[in-house]
Amino acid sequence: MSTPVHQKDSPVRRPVSVYGVGEEPDVRFSLANERTALAWIRTALALIAGGVTLTTVAGLSTIPAPLYAVSAAACTAGAVLSVVAVRRWSANERALRLKAALPAPVHLAWLVVGIVVAAAGLCVLAVVQWSAA
């Protein structure tokens, strides 16, 4: 394993667990990895914003408990997804620096399943709300 080359007066890049291994990859790959992580963070923020919005809708609903549950799940999913985004960025960057294969995108499937389940649940709640009105 090669050690990273640091200029004499350059500060140590953090996190050391990522930048302290391998060699500097093509900057385009590092920037693409960063853009992907930021896209995951935007998705996490959208989940949190959706959860906050659902609390407002739940206050106007005749069946608020399920909406509050979906709201809490969305906010929690957003928090978890932001942690996953940083961990995934770190794993990808390390793989790039070590010239290894990128990790499989397992979390993406979980995100899709969660969004599909939440959307289906909200559709059912909307139908129940509509038929009760």
N, C-alpha and C. Protein backbone atom coordinates (compact mmCIF):
# COMPACT_ATOMS: atom_id res chain seq x y z
N MET A 1 0.86 -1.18 0.00
CA MET A 1 0.00 0.00 0.00
C MET A 1 0.89 1.23 0.00
N SER A 2 0.57 2.16 -0.87
CA SER A 2 1.38 3.38 -0.94
C SER A 2 0.85 4.40 0.05
N THR A 3 1.73 5.25 0.48
CA THR A 3 1.33 6.30 1.41
C THR A 3 1.03 7.56 0.63
N PRO A 4 0.08 8.37 1.12
CA PRO A 4 -0.26 9.59 0.41
C PRO A 4 0.89 10.59 0.45
N VAL A 5 0.97 11.34 -0.61
CA VAL A 5 2.02 12.35 -0.70
C VAL A 5 1.44 13.67 -0.21
N HIS A 6 2.03 14.24 0.84
CA HIS A 6 1.60 15.53 1.37
C HIS A 6 2.69 16.55 1.09
N GLN A 7 2.26 17.74 0.72
CA GLN A 7 3.24 18.80 0.58
C GLN A 7 3.70 19.20 1.96
N LYS A 8 4.87 19.77 2.02
CA LYS A 8 5.49 20.06 3.30
C LYS A 8 4.62 20.94 4.20
N ASP A 9 4.02 21.97 3.65
CA ASP A 9 3.25 22.91 4.47
C ASP A 9 1.74 22.66 4.39
N SER A 10 1.31 21.61 3.72
CA SER A 10 -0.13 21.38 3.59
C SER A 10 -0.68 20.75 4.87
N PRO A 11 -1.89 21.16 5.28
CA PRO A 11 -2.49 20.57 6.48
C PRO A 11 -2.93 19.13 6.21
N VAL A 12 -3.05 18.37 7.28
CA VAL A 12 -3.52 16.99 7.16
C VAL A 12 -5.01 17.02 6.83
N ARG A 13 -5.40 16.28 5.79
CA ARG A 13 -6.81 16.24 5.39
C ARG A 13 -7.57 15.30 6.30
N ARG A 14 -8.76 15.67 6.64
CA ARG A 14 -9.61 14.86 7.51
C ARG A 14 -10.81 14.39 6.73
N PRO A 15 -11.35 13.26 7.00
CA PRO A 15 -10.94 12.29 8.00
C PRO A 15 -9.72 11.50 7.55
N VAL A 16 -8.84 11.26 8.50
CA VAL A 16 -7.60 10.55 8.22
C VAL A 16 -7.89 9.12 7.77
N SER A 17 -8.99 8.53 8.27
CA SER A 17 -9.34 7.16 7.87
C SER A 17 -9.62 7.06 6.38
N VAL A 18 -9.99 8.17 5.76
CA VAL A 18 -10.23 8.18 4.31
C VAL A 18 -9.00 8.67 3.57
N TYR A 19 -8.51 9.84 3.95
CA TYR A 19 -7.42 10.46 3.20
C TYR A 19 -6.05 9.95 3.58
N GLY A 20 -5.97 9.15 4.63
CA GLY A 20 -4.68 8.63 5.07
C GLY A 20 -4.28 7.33 4.40
N VAL A 21 -5.08 6.83 3.45
CA VAL A 21 -4.76 5.56 2.78
C VAL A 21 -4.65 5.78 1.27
N GLY A 22 -3.94 4.88 0.63
CA GLY A 22 -3.88 4.87 -0.82
C GLY A 22 -3.26 6.11 -1.41
N GLU A 23 -3.65 6.36 -2.65
CA GLU A 23 -3.12 7.52 -3.35
C GLU A 23 -4.28 8.33 -3.92
N GLU A 24 -3.96 9.55 -4.25
CA GLU A 24 -4.98 10.50 -4.72
C GLU A 24 -5.59 9.99 -6.04
N PRO A 25 -6.94 9.81 -6.07
CA PRO A 25 -7.57 9.38 -7.33
C PRO A 25 -7.78 10.58 -8.25
N ASP A 26 -8.25 10.30 -9.44
CA ASP A 26 -8.61 11.37 -10.38
C ASP A 26 -9.66 12.25 -9.70
N VAL A 27 -9.46 13.54 -9.73
CA VAL A 27 -10.34 14.47 -9.02
C VAL A 27 -11.79 14.36 -9.50
N ARG A 28 -12.00 13.99 -10.74
CA ARG A 28 -13.37 13.86 -11.25
C ARG A 28 -14.15 12.78 -10.49
N PHE A 29 -13.46 11.70 -10.13
CA PHE A 29 -14.13 10.62 -9.41
C PHE A 29 -14.45 11.05 -7.98
N SER A 30 -13.54 11.75 -7.34
CA SER A 30 -13.79 12.24 -5.99
C SER A 30 -14.95 13.23 -5.97
N LEU A 31 -14.98 14.12 -6.96
CA LEU A 31 -16.07 15.10 -7.02
C LEU A 31 -17.41 14.42 -7.32
N ALA A 32 -17.41 13.41 -8.17
CA ALA A 32 -18.64 12.67 -8.45
C ALA A 32 -19.13 11.97 -7.18
N ASN A 33 -18.20 11.41 -6.42
CA ASN A 33 -18.56 10.76 -5.16
C ASN A 33 -19.17 11.78 -4.19
N GLU A 34 -18.59 12.96 -4.15
CA GLU A 34 -19.12 14.02 -3.27
C GLU A 34 -20.51 14.46 -3.72
N ARG A 35 -20.70 14.63 -5.03
CA ARG A 35 -22.03 15.01 -5.54
C ARG A 35 -23.08 13.96 -5.20
N THR A 36 -22.71 12.70 -5.29
CA THR A 36 -23.63 11.63 -4.94
C THR A 36 -24.01 11.70 -3.46
N ALA A 37 -23.01 11.92 -2.61
CA ALA A 37 -23.29 12.04 -1.17
C ALA A 37 -24.22 13.22 -0.90
N LEU A 38 -24.00 14.33 -1.59
CA LEU A 38 -24.86 15.49 -1.40
C LEU A 38 -26.28 15.22 -1.90
N ALA A 39 -26.42 14.42 -2.94
CA ALA A 39 -27.76 14.04 -3.42
C ALA A 39 -28.47 13.20 -2.36
N TRP A 40 -27.74 12.31 -1.70
CA TRP A 40 -28.34 11.52 -0.62
C TRP A 40 -28.74 12.44 0.54
N ILE A 41 -27.94 13.44 0.84
CA ILE A 41 -28.27 14.39 1.90
C ILE A 41 -29.53 15.18 1.53
N ARG A 42 -29.64 15.59 0.26
CA ARG A 42 -30.87 16.28 -0.17
C ARG A 42 -32.09 15.38 0.00
N THR A 43 -31.95 14.11 -0.31
CA THR A 43 -33.05 13.17 -0.13
C THR A 43 -33.40 13.06 1.36
N ALA A 44 -32.40 13.01 2.21
CA ALA A 44 -32.63 12.94 3.66
C ALA A 44 -33.38 14.19 4.14
N LEU A 45 -32.96 15.36 3.64
CA LEU A 45 -33.65 16.60 4.02
C LEU A 45 -35.09 16.61 3.51
N ALA A 46 -35.32 16.06 2.32
CA ALA A 46 -36.68 15.99 1.78
C ALA A 46 -37.55 15.07 2.64
N LEU A 47 -36.99 13.96 3.10
CA LEU A 47 -37.75 13.08 3.99
C LEU A 47 -38.12 13.78 5.29
N ILE A 48 -37.17 14.52 5.84
CA ILE A 48 -37.45 15.25 7.09
C ILE A 48 -38.49 16.34 6.84
N ALA A 49 -38.37 17.07 5.73
CA ALA A 49 -39.35 18.11 5.41
C ALA A 49 -40.74 17.50 5.20
N GLY A 50 -40.78 16.35 4.53
CA GLY A 50 -42.06 15.66 4.35
C GLY A 50 -42.65 15.23 5.67
N GLY A 51 -41.82 14.75 6.57
CA GLY A 51 -42.30 14.36 7.89
C GLY A 51 -42.86 15.53 8.67
N VAL A 52 -42.18 16.66 8.59
CA VAL A 52 -42.67 17.87 9.28
C VAL A 52 -44.00 18.32 8.66
N THR A 53 -44.09 18.26 7.34
CA THR A 53 -45.33 18.63 6.66
C THR A 53 -46.48 17.73 7.08
N LEU A 54 -46.20 16.44 7.22
CA LEU A 54 -47.25 15.51 7.62
C LEU A 54 -47.79 15.79 9.02
N THR A 55 -46.96 16.36 9.89
CA THR A 55 -47.49 16.70 11.22
C THR A 55 -48.55 17.79 11.11
N THR A 56 -48.38 18.71 10.16
CA THR A 56 -49.38 19.75 9.94
C THR A 56 -50.66 19.13 9.39
N VAL A 57 -50.51 18.24 8.43
CA VAL A 57 -51.68 17.56 7.85
C VAL A 57 -52.37 16.71 8.90
N ALA A 58 -51.60 16.06 9.75
CA ALA A 58 -52.19 15.20 10.78
C ALA A 58 -53.04 16.02 11.75
N GLY A 59 -52.64 17.26 12.00
CA GLY A 59 -53.42 18.11 12.88
C GLY A 59 -54.78 18.47 12.31
N LEU A 60 -54.93 18.40 10.99
CA LEU A 60 -56.19 18.71 10.32
C LEU A 60 -57.00 17.48 10.00
N SER A 61 -56.46 16.32 10.24
CA SER A 61 -57.07 15.06 9.84
C SER A 61 -57.99 14.51 10.92
N THR A 62 -58.96 13.70 10.47
CA THR A 62 -59.84 13.01 11.44
C THR A 62 -59.17 11.73 11.94
N ILE A 63 -58.11 11.28 11.26
CA ILE A 63 -57.34 10.10 11.70
C ILE A 63 -55.86 10.48 11.82
N PRO A 64 -55.51 11.26 12.85
CA PRO A 64 -54.15 11.78 12.92
C PRO A 64 -53.09 10.77 13.33
N ALA A 65 -53.43 9.75 14.10
CA ALA A 65 -52.40 8.84 14.64
C ALA A 65 -51.56 8.18 13.55
N PRO A 66 -52.17 7.62 12.48
CA PRO A 66 -51.32 7.02 11.44
C PRO A 66 -50.42 8.05 10.73
N LEU A 67 -50.93 9.26 10.55
CA LEU A 67 -50.11 10.28 9.91
C LEU A 67 -48.93 10.69 10.78
N TYR A 68 -49.17 10.77 12.08
CA TYR A 68 -48.06 11.06 12.99
C TYR A 68 -47.02 9.94 12.95
N ALA A 69 -47.47 8.70 12.83
CA ALA A 69 -46.54 7.57 12.75
C ALA A 69 -45.71 7.65 11.47
N VAL A 70 -46.37 7.96 10.35
CA VAL A 70 -45.63 8.09 9.08
C VAL A 70 -44.67 9.28 9.15
N SER A 71 -45.11 10.35 9.80
CA SER A 71 -44.26 11.52 9.97
C SER A 71 -43.00 11.18 10.76
N ALA A 72 -43.18 10.48 11.86
CA ALA A 72 -42.03 10.09 12.68
C ALA A 72 -41.10 9.16 11.90
N ALA A 73 -41.69 8.25 11.12
CA ALA A 73 -40.88 7.33 10.31
C ALA A 73 -40.09 8.10 9.25
N ALA A 74 -40.71 9.09 8.62
CA ALA A 74 -40.02 9.87 7.59
C ALA A 74 -38.87 10.67 8.19
N CYS A 75 -39.11 11.29 9.32
CA CYS A 75 -38.04 12.07 9.97
C CYS A 75 -36.89 11.16 10.42
N THR A 76 -37.23 10.02 10.96
CA THR A 76 -36.20 9.06 11.38
C THR A 76 -35.43 8.54 10.18
N ALA A 77 -36.14 8.23 9.11
CA ALA A 77 -35.48 7.75 7.89
C ALA A 77 -34.53 8.82 7.34
N GLY A 78 -34.93 10.08 7.40
CA GLY A 78 -34.06 11.16 6.95
C GLY A 78 -32.79 11.25 7.78
N ALA A 79 -32.93 11.09 9.08
CA ALA A 79 -31.75 11.14 9.95
C ALA A 79 -30.82 9.96 9.66
N VAL A 80 -31.39 8.77 9.51
CA VAL A 80 -30.58 7.59 9.23
C VAL A 80 -29.91 7.71 7.86
N LEU A 81 -30.66 8.22 6.89
CA LEU A 81 -30.11 8.35 5.54
C LEU A 81 -28.94 9.32 5.49
N SER A 82 -28.97 10.36 6.30
CA SER A 82 -27.84 11.29 6.30
C SER A 82 -26.58 10.62 6.84
N VAL A 83 -26.72 9.76 7.83
CA VAL A 83 -25.57 9.01 8.34
C VAL A 83 -25.08 8.02 7.28
N VAL A 84 -26.02 7.35 6.61
CA VAL A 84 -25.66 6.41 5.55
C VAL A 84 -24.91 7.13 4.44
N ALA A 85 -25.33 8.34 4.11
CA ALA A 85 -24.68 9.10 3.03
C ALA A 85 -23.21 9.36 3.35
N VAL A 86 -22.93 9.75 4.58
CA VAL A 86 -21.54 10.03 4.96
C VAL A 86 -20.72 8.75 4.99
N ARG A 87 -21.30 7.69 5.52
CA ARG A 87 -20.58 6.41 5.56
C ARG A 87 -20.31 5.88 4.16
N ARG A 88 -21.30 6.04 3.29
CA ARG A 88 -21.14 5.57 1.91
C ARG A 88 -20.08 6.40 1.17
N TRP A 89 -20.11 7.73 1.38
CA TRP A 89 -19.08 8.58 0.77
C TRP A 89 -17.70 8.11 1.22
N SER A 90 -17.56 7.85 2.52
CA SER A 90 -16.28 7.43 3.07
C SER A 90 -15.82 6.10 2.46
N ALA A 91 -16.72 5.13 2.38
CA ALA A 91 -16.37 3.82 1.82
C ALA A 91 -15.99 3.94 0.34
N ASN A 92 -16.75 4.74 -0.40
CA ASN A 92 -16.43 4.93 -1.82
C ASN A 92 -15.10 5.63 -2.01
N GLU A 93 -14.85 6.66 -1.22
CA GLU A 93 -13.60 7.42 -1.36
C GLU A 93 -12.39 6.54 -1.02
N ARG A 94 -12.54 5.73 0.03
CA ARG A 94 -11.45 4.80 0.37
C ARG A 94 -11.20 3.82 -0.77
N ALA A 95 -12.29 3.30 -1.36
CA ALA A 95 -12.14 2.36 -2.47
C ALA A 95 -11.46 3.02 -3.66
N LEU A 96 -11.82 4.27 -3.94
CA LEU A 96 -11.18 5.00 -5.04
C LEU A 96 -9.68 5.17 -4.77
N ARG A 97 -9.35 5.52 -3.54
CA ARG A 97 -7.95 5.77 -3.19
C ARG A 97 -7.13 4.49 -3.21
N LEU A 98 -7.77 3.35 -2.93
CA LEU A 98 -7.06 2.07 -2.89
C LEU A 98 -7.18 1.31 -4.22
N LYS A 99 -7.84 1.93 -5.20
CA LYS A 99 -8.06 1.30 -6.51
C LYS A 99 -8.77 -0.04 -6.36
N ALA A 100 -9.76 -0.07 -5.48
CA ALA A 100 -10.55 -1.28 -5.22
C ALA A 100 -11.94 -1.10 -5.82
N ALA A 101 -12.69 -2.20 -5.86
CA ALA A 101 -14.06 -2.12 -6.35
C ALA A 101 -14.92 -1.31 -5.39
N LEU A 102 -15.85 -0.56 -5.94
CA LEU A 102 -16.76 0.22 -5.09
C LEU A 102 -17.73 -0.72 -4.38
N PRO A 103 -18.14 -0.37 -3.16
CA PRO A 103 -19.11 -1.21 -2.45
C PRO A 103 -20.46 -1.24 -3.17
N ALA A 104 -21.19 -2.32 -3.00
CA ALA A 104 -22.51 -2.46 -3.62
C ALA A 104 -23.48 -1.46 -3.00
N PRO A 105 -24.41 -0.91 -3.80
CA PRO A 105 -25.36 0.09 -3.29
C PRO A 105 -26.56 -0.55 -2.58
N VAL A 106 -26.32 -1.26 -1.49
CA VAL A 106 -27.38 -1.96 -0.76
C VAL A 106 -28.40 -0.98 -0.19
N HIS A 107 -27.94 0.15 0.31
CA HIS A 107 -28.83 1.11 0.96
C HIS A 107 -29.84 1.71 -0.01
N LEU A 108 -29.49 1.76 -1.28
CA LEU A 108 -30.40 2.31 -2.27
C LEU A 108 -31.68 1.48 -2.35
N ALA A 109 -31.55 0.17 -2.33
CA ALA A 109 -32.73 -0.70 -2.37
C ALA A 109 -33.62 -0.47 -1.14
N TRP A 110 -33.00 -0.33 0.03
CA TRP A 110 -33.78 -0.07 1.24
C TRP A 110 -34.51 1.27 1.15
N LEU A 111 -33.86 2.26 0.59
CA LEU A 111 -34.50 3.57 0.43
C LEU A 111 -35.71 3.47 -0.48
N VAL A 112 -35.56 2.77 -1.60
CA VAL A 112 -36.67 2.61 -2.55
C VAL A 112 -37.83 1.86 -1.90
N VAL A 113 -37.54 0.78 -1.21
CA VAL A 113 -38.60 0.00 -0.54
C VAL A 113 -39.31 0.88 0.49
N GLY A 114 -38.57 1.63 1.27
CA GLY A 114 -39.18 2.50 2.27
C GLY A 114 -40.08 3.55 1.66
N ILE A 115 -39.64 4.15 0.56
CA ILE A 115 -40.45 5.17 -0.10
C ILE A 115 -41.72 4.56 -0.69
N VAL A 116 -41.60 3.37 -1.29
CA VAL A 116 -42.78 2.70 -1.85
C VAL A 116 -43.78 2.35 -0.75
N VAL A 117 -43.30 1.83 0.37
CA VAL A 117 -44.19 1.49 1.49
C VAL A 117 -44.86 2.74 2.05
N ALA A 118 -44.10 3.80 2.21
CA ALA A 118 -44.68 5.05 2.73
C ALA A 118 -45.72 5.61 1.77
N ALA A 119 -45.42 5.59 0.48
CA ALA A 119 -46.38 6.11 -0.51
C ALA A 119 -47.66 5.28 -0.52
N ALA A 120 -47.51 3.97 -0.46
CA ALA A 120 -48.70 3.10 -0.43
C ALA A 120 -49.51 3.35 0.83
N GLY A 121 -48.84 3.49 1.95
CA GLY A 121 -49.55 3.76 3.21
C GLY A 121 -50.28 5.09 3.17
N LEU A 122 -49.65 6.10 2.60
CA LEU A 122 -50.31 7.41 2.50
C LEU A 122 -51.50 7.35 1.54
N CYS A 123 -51.40 6.56 0.48
CA CYS A 123 -52.54 6.40 -0.43
C CYS A 123 -53.72 5.75 0.29
N VAL A 124 -53.44 4.73 1.08
CA VAL A 124 -54.50 4.07 1.84
C VAL A 124 -55.12 5.05 2.82
N LEU A 125 -54.29 5.83 3.52
CA LEU A 125 -54.83 6.82 4.45
C LEU A 125 -55.67 7.88 3.74
N ALA A 126 -55.25 8.28 2.56
CA ALA A 126 -56.02 9.27 1.81
C ALA A 126 -57.38 8.72 1.40
N VAL A 127 -57.41 7.45 0.98
CA VAL A 127 -58.68 6.84 0.60
C VAL A 127 -59.60 6.72 1.83
N VAL A 128 -59.04 6.31 2.96
CA VAL A 128 -59.84 6.20 4.19
C VAL A 128 -60.36 7.57 4.60
N GLN A 129 -59.50 8.58 4.54
CA GLN A 129 -59.90 9.95 4.90
C GLN A 129 -60.99 10.45 3.96
N TRP A 130 -60.82 10.19 2.67
CA TRP A 130 -61.78 10.64 1.67
C TRP A 130 -63.12 9.94 1.84
N SER A 131 -63.10 8.64 2.11
CA SER A 131 -64.38 7.91 2.27
C SER A 131 -65.07 8.26 3.57
N ALA A 132 -64.32 8.73 4.58
CA ALA A 132 -64.92 9.15 5.85
C ALA A 132 -65.55 10.52 5.75
N ALA A 133 -65.16 11.29 4.75
CA ALA A 133 -65.67 12.67 4.64
C ALA A 133 -67.02 12.73 4.01
